[in-house]
Structures are given as structure tokens and as C-alpha cells.
Amino acid sequence: MIQRVQMLGSALSQLLNVATARDLRDTGSNESVSARLHRQRRRGEKFIDAVFFWQRDPGHCERAFQNDVFDAVALLAEVEMRSVDMTAKRANVRATTGAAT
């Protein structure tokens, strides 16, 4: 239940981020308001960090940014593993069927 609430909060923050961004080229649909404020070093970062005062070292916005980076790296690694796996499967099919490479 707690995970669902956290995920809903994250989704709402992403929606708010897209709705309030001045220029959509400066953000992405998976970025939260907090992460954008930290990445762009905006004034609102201190306010958001104060709202989430219990999240210190690093603050809420920096942590949100770090989580976004971690999630992106993990997704890229997953996609690369799938790509390597598909390449190996294609090579195996070619080898077993005698298909030309």
C-alpha cells in the first residue's frame, strides 16, 4: 500500500512537472518537479526541500534527481541486455539453420 501511494505521488509530480514547465524541451515526461528544480538549480528547490524536511543529506530534490539518474541507467542497462540477448539468439538461429550471415 505504501509503495502504491509513493508511486501515485511520483506520477502526480511528473504530471505537475509537464503542466508547469515553461519549455517542454527543458524536461521529460518521466522527470518530477523536484528533480527538475535540482537539475536546473531553481529557487523552488529550497522550498520543496523544506516541505520534505525529514529528507536530509541529500535533500529531497537532490535525492529525486539521483533516483531519476539511477532509474535511467538501470533502464539503459536492461535495454542493452535485451539487445545482446537478441543478437545472440539471431546468431544461434543462423548457426543452427545454416543461414548466411
C-alpha atoms as a PDB file:
ATOM      1  CA  MET A   1       0.000   0.000   0.000  1.00  0.00           C
ATOM      2  CA  ILE A   2       2.815   2.422   0.879  1.00  0.00           C
ATOM      3  CA  GLN A   3       4.551   1.688  -2.425  1.00  0.00           C
ATOM      4  CA  ARG A   4       1.332   2.486  -4.309  1.00  0.00           C
ATOM      5  CA  VAL A   5       0.994   5.838  -2.516  1.00  0.00           C
ATOM      6  CA  GLN A   6       4.639   6.664  -3.302  1.00  0.00           C
ATOM      7  CA  MET A   7       4.152   5.742  -6.961  1.00  0.00           C
ATOM      8  CA  LEU A   8       0.984   7.855  -7.173  1.00  0.00           C
ATOM      9  CA  GLY A   9       2.854  10.793  -5.627  1.00  0.00           C
ATOM     10  CA  SER A  10       5.630  10.373  -8.165  1.00  0.00           C
ATOM     11  CA  ALA A  11       3.142  10.210 -11.037  1.00  0.00           C
ATOM     12  CA  LEU A  12       1.394  13.364  -9.830  1.00  0.00           C
ATOM     13  CA  SER A  13       4.743  15.148  -9.559  1.00  0.00           C
ATOM     14  CA  GLN A  14       5.604  14.133 -13.120  1.00  0.00           C
ATOM     15  CA  LEU A  15       2.228  15.404 -14.326  1.00  0.00           C
ATOM     16  CA  LEU A  16       2.715  18.688 -12.476  1.00  0.00           C
ATOM     17  CA  ASN A  17       6.207  18.981 -13.931  1.00  0.00           C
ATOM     18  CA  VAL A  18       4.939  18.704 -17.505  1.00  0.00           C
ATOM     19  CA  ALA A  19       1.983  21.006 -16.791  1.00  0.00           C
ATOM     20  CA  THR A  20       4.150  23.758 -15.281  1.00  0.00           C
ATOM     21  CA  ALA A  21       7.286  23.582 -17.442  1.00  0.00           C
ATOM     22  CA  ARG A  22       7.825  26.806 -19.360  1.00  0.00           C
ATOM     23  CA  ASP A  23       9.505  24.971 -22.216  1.00  0.00           C
ATOM     24  CA  LEU A  24       8.912  21.247 -22.711  1.00  0.00           C
ATOM     25  CA  ARG A  25      12.358  20.929 -24.305  1.00  0.00           C
ATOM     26  CA  ASP A  26      13.778  21.532 -20.804  1.00  0.00           C
ATOM     27  CA  THR A  27      12.190  18.464 -19.224  1.00  0.00           C
ATOM     28  CA  GLY A  28      10.846  14.998 -19.895  1.00  0.00           C
ATOM     29  CA  SER A  29       7.624  13.209 -19.075  1.00  0.00           C
ATOM     30  CA  ASN A  30       9.371  10.990 -16.510  1.00  0.00           C
ATOM     31  CA  GLU A  31      11.015  13.817 -14.564  1.00  0.00           C
ATOM     32  CA  SER A  32       9.496  15.026 -11.308  1.00  0.00           C
ATOM     33  CA  VAL A  33       9.154  18.667 -10.279  1.00  0.00           C
ATOM     34  CA  SER A  34      11.729  18.084  -7.536  1.00  0.00           C
ATOM     35  CA  ALA A  35      14.312  16.562  -9.875  1.00  0.00           C
ATOM     36  CA  ARG A  36      13.867  19.381 -12.399  1.00  0.00           C
ATOM     37  CA  LEU A  37      14.263  22.023  -9.703  1.00  0.00           C
ATOM     38  CA  HIS A  38      17.522  20.420  -8.583  1.00  0.00           C
ATOM     39  CA  ARG A  39      18.857  19.856 -12.101  1.00  0.00           C
ATOM     40  CA  GLN A  40      18.135  23.449 -13.114  1.00  0.00           C
ATOM     41  CA  ARG A  41      19.187  24.892  -9.738  1.00  0.00           C
ATOM     42  CA  ARG A  42      15.895  26.747  -9.410  1.00  0.00           C
ATOM     43  CA  ARG A  43      14.690  28.823  -6.458  1.00  0.00           C
ATOM     44  CA  GLY A  44      11.881  26.440  -5.564  1.00  0.00           C
ATOM     45  CA  GLU A  45      14.331  23.703  -4.599  1.00  0.00           C
ATOM     46  CA  LYS A  46      14.830  25.155  -1.111  1.00  0.00           C
ATOM     47  CA  PHE A  47      11.066  25.393  -0.593  1.00  0.00           C
ATOM     48  CA  ILE A  48      10.435  21.792  -1.656  1.00  0.00           C
ATOM     49  CA  ASP A  49      13.351  20.605   0.483  1.00  0.00           C
ATOM     50  CA  ALA A  50      11.776  22.461   3.441  1.00  0.00           C
ATOM     51  CA  VAL A  51       8.419  20.735   2.828  1.00  0.00           C
ATOM     52  CA  PHE A  52      10.184  17.355   2.914  1.00  0.00           C
ATOM     53  CA  PHE A  53      12.367  18.460   5.843  1.00  0.00           C
ATOM     54  CA  TRP A  54      12.950  14.914   7.128  1.00  0.00           C
ATOM     55  CA  GLN A  55      14.838  14.020   3.951  1.00  0.00           C
ATOM     56  CA  ARG A  56      18.323  15.390   4.542  1.00  0.00           C
ATOM     57  CA  ASP A  57      21.817  14.530   3.302  1.00  0.00           C
ATOM     58  CA  PRO A  58      20.983  14.831   0.467  1.00  0.00           C
ATOM     59  CA  GLY A  59      17.829  16.914   0.363  1.00  0.00           C
ATOM     60  CA  HIS A  60      14.590  15.789  -1.275  1.00  0.00           C
ATOM     61  CA  CYS A  61      15.222  17.427  -4.653  1.00  0.00           C
ATOM     62  CA  GLU A  62      18.770  16.143  -4.992  1.00  0.00           C
ATOM     63  CA  ARG A  63      17.607  12.669  -3.977  1.00  0.00           C
ATOM     64  CA  ALA A  64      14.802  12.826  -6.578  1.00  0.00           C
ATOM     65  CA  PHE A  65      17.352  13.782  -9.237  1.00  0.00           C
ATOM     66  CA  GLN A  66      19.696  10.953  -8.186  1.00  0.00           C
ATOM     67  CA  ASN A  67      16.793   8.488  -8.315  1.00  0.00           C
ATOM     68  CA  ASP A  68      15.911   9.655 -11.840  1.00  0.00           C
ATOM     69  CA  VAL A  69      19.520   9.148 -12.951  1.00  0.00           C
ATOM     70  CA  PHE A  70      19.650   5.697 -11.322  1.00  0.00           C
ATOM     71  CA  ASP A  71      16.358   4.679 -12.987  1.00  0.00           C
ATOM     72  CA  ALA A  72      17.600   5.875 -16.389  1.00  0.00           C
ATOM     73  CA  VAL A  73      20.887   3.961 -16.065  1.00  0.00           C
ATOM     74  CA  ALA A  74      19.018   0.815 -14.975  1.00  0.00           C
ATOM     75  CA  LEU A  75      16.641   1.100 -17.946  1.00  0.00           C
ATOM     76  CA  LEU A  76      19.533   1.560 -20.380  1.00  0.00           C
ATOM     77  CA  ALA A  77      21.292  -1.495 -18.924  1.00  0.00           C
ATOM     78  CA  GLU A  78      18.106  -3.543 -19.290  1.00  0.00           C
ATOM     79  CA  VAL A  79      17.650  -2.477 -22.898  1.00  0.00           C
ATOM     80  CA  GLU A  80      21.293  -3.271 -23.673  1.00  0.00           C
ATOM     81  CA  MET A  81      20.981  -6.733 -22.117  1.00  0.00           C
ATOM     82  CA  ARG A  82      17.904  -7.411 -24.241  1.00  0.00           C
ATOM     83  CA  SER A  83      19.767  -6.245 -27.325  1.00  0.00           C
ATOM     84  CA  VAL A  84      22.739  -8.520 -26.562  1.00  0.00           C
ATOM     85  CA  ASP A  85      20.353 -11.411 -25.883  1.00  0.00           C
ATOM     86  CA  MET A  86      18.510 -10.853 -29.179  1.00  0.00           C
ATOM     87  CA  THR A  87      21.806 -10.671 -31.090  1.00  0.00           C
ATOM     88  CA  ALA A  88      22.909 -13.976 -29.532  1.00  0.00           C
ATOM     89  CA  LYS A  89      19.565 -15.588 -30.380  1.00  0.00           C
ATOM     90  CA  ARG A  90      19.808 -14.429 -34.005  1.00  0.00           C
ATOM     91  CA  ALA A  91      23.353 -15.791 -34.270  1.00  0.00           C
ATOM     92  CA  ASN A  92      22.203 -19.110 -32.775  1.00  0.00           C
ATOM     93  CA  VAL A  93      19.317 -19.365 -35.250  1.00  0.00           C
ATOM     94  CA  ARG A  94      21.659 -18.629 -38.138  1.00  0.00           C
ATOM     95  CA  ALA A  95      24.162 -21.221 -36.918  1.00  0.00           C
ATOM     96  CA  THR A  96      21.572 -23.959 -36.434  1.00  0.00           C
ATOM     97  CA  THR A  97      19.720 -23.327 -39.695  1.00  0.00           C
ATOM     98  CA  GLY A  98      22.815 -22.747 -41.802  1.00  0.00           C
ATOM     99  CA  ALA A  99      21.558 -19.326 -42.825  1.00  0.00           C
ATOM    100  CA  ALA A 100      24.150 -16.972 -44.306  1.00  0.00           C
ATOM    101  CA  THR A 101      25.363 -14.146 -42.067  1.00  0.00           C
END
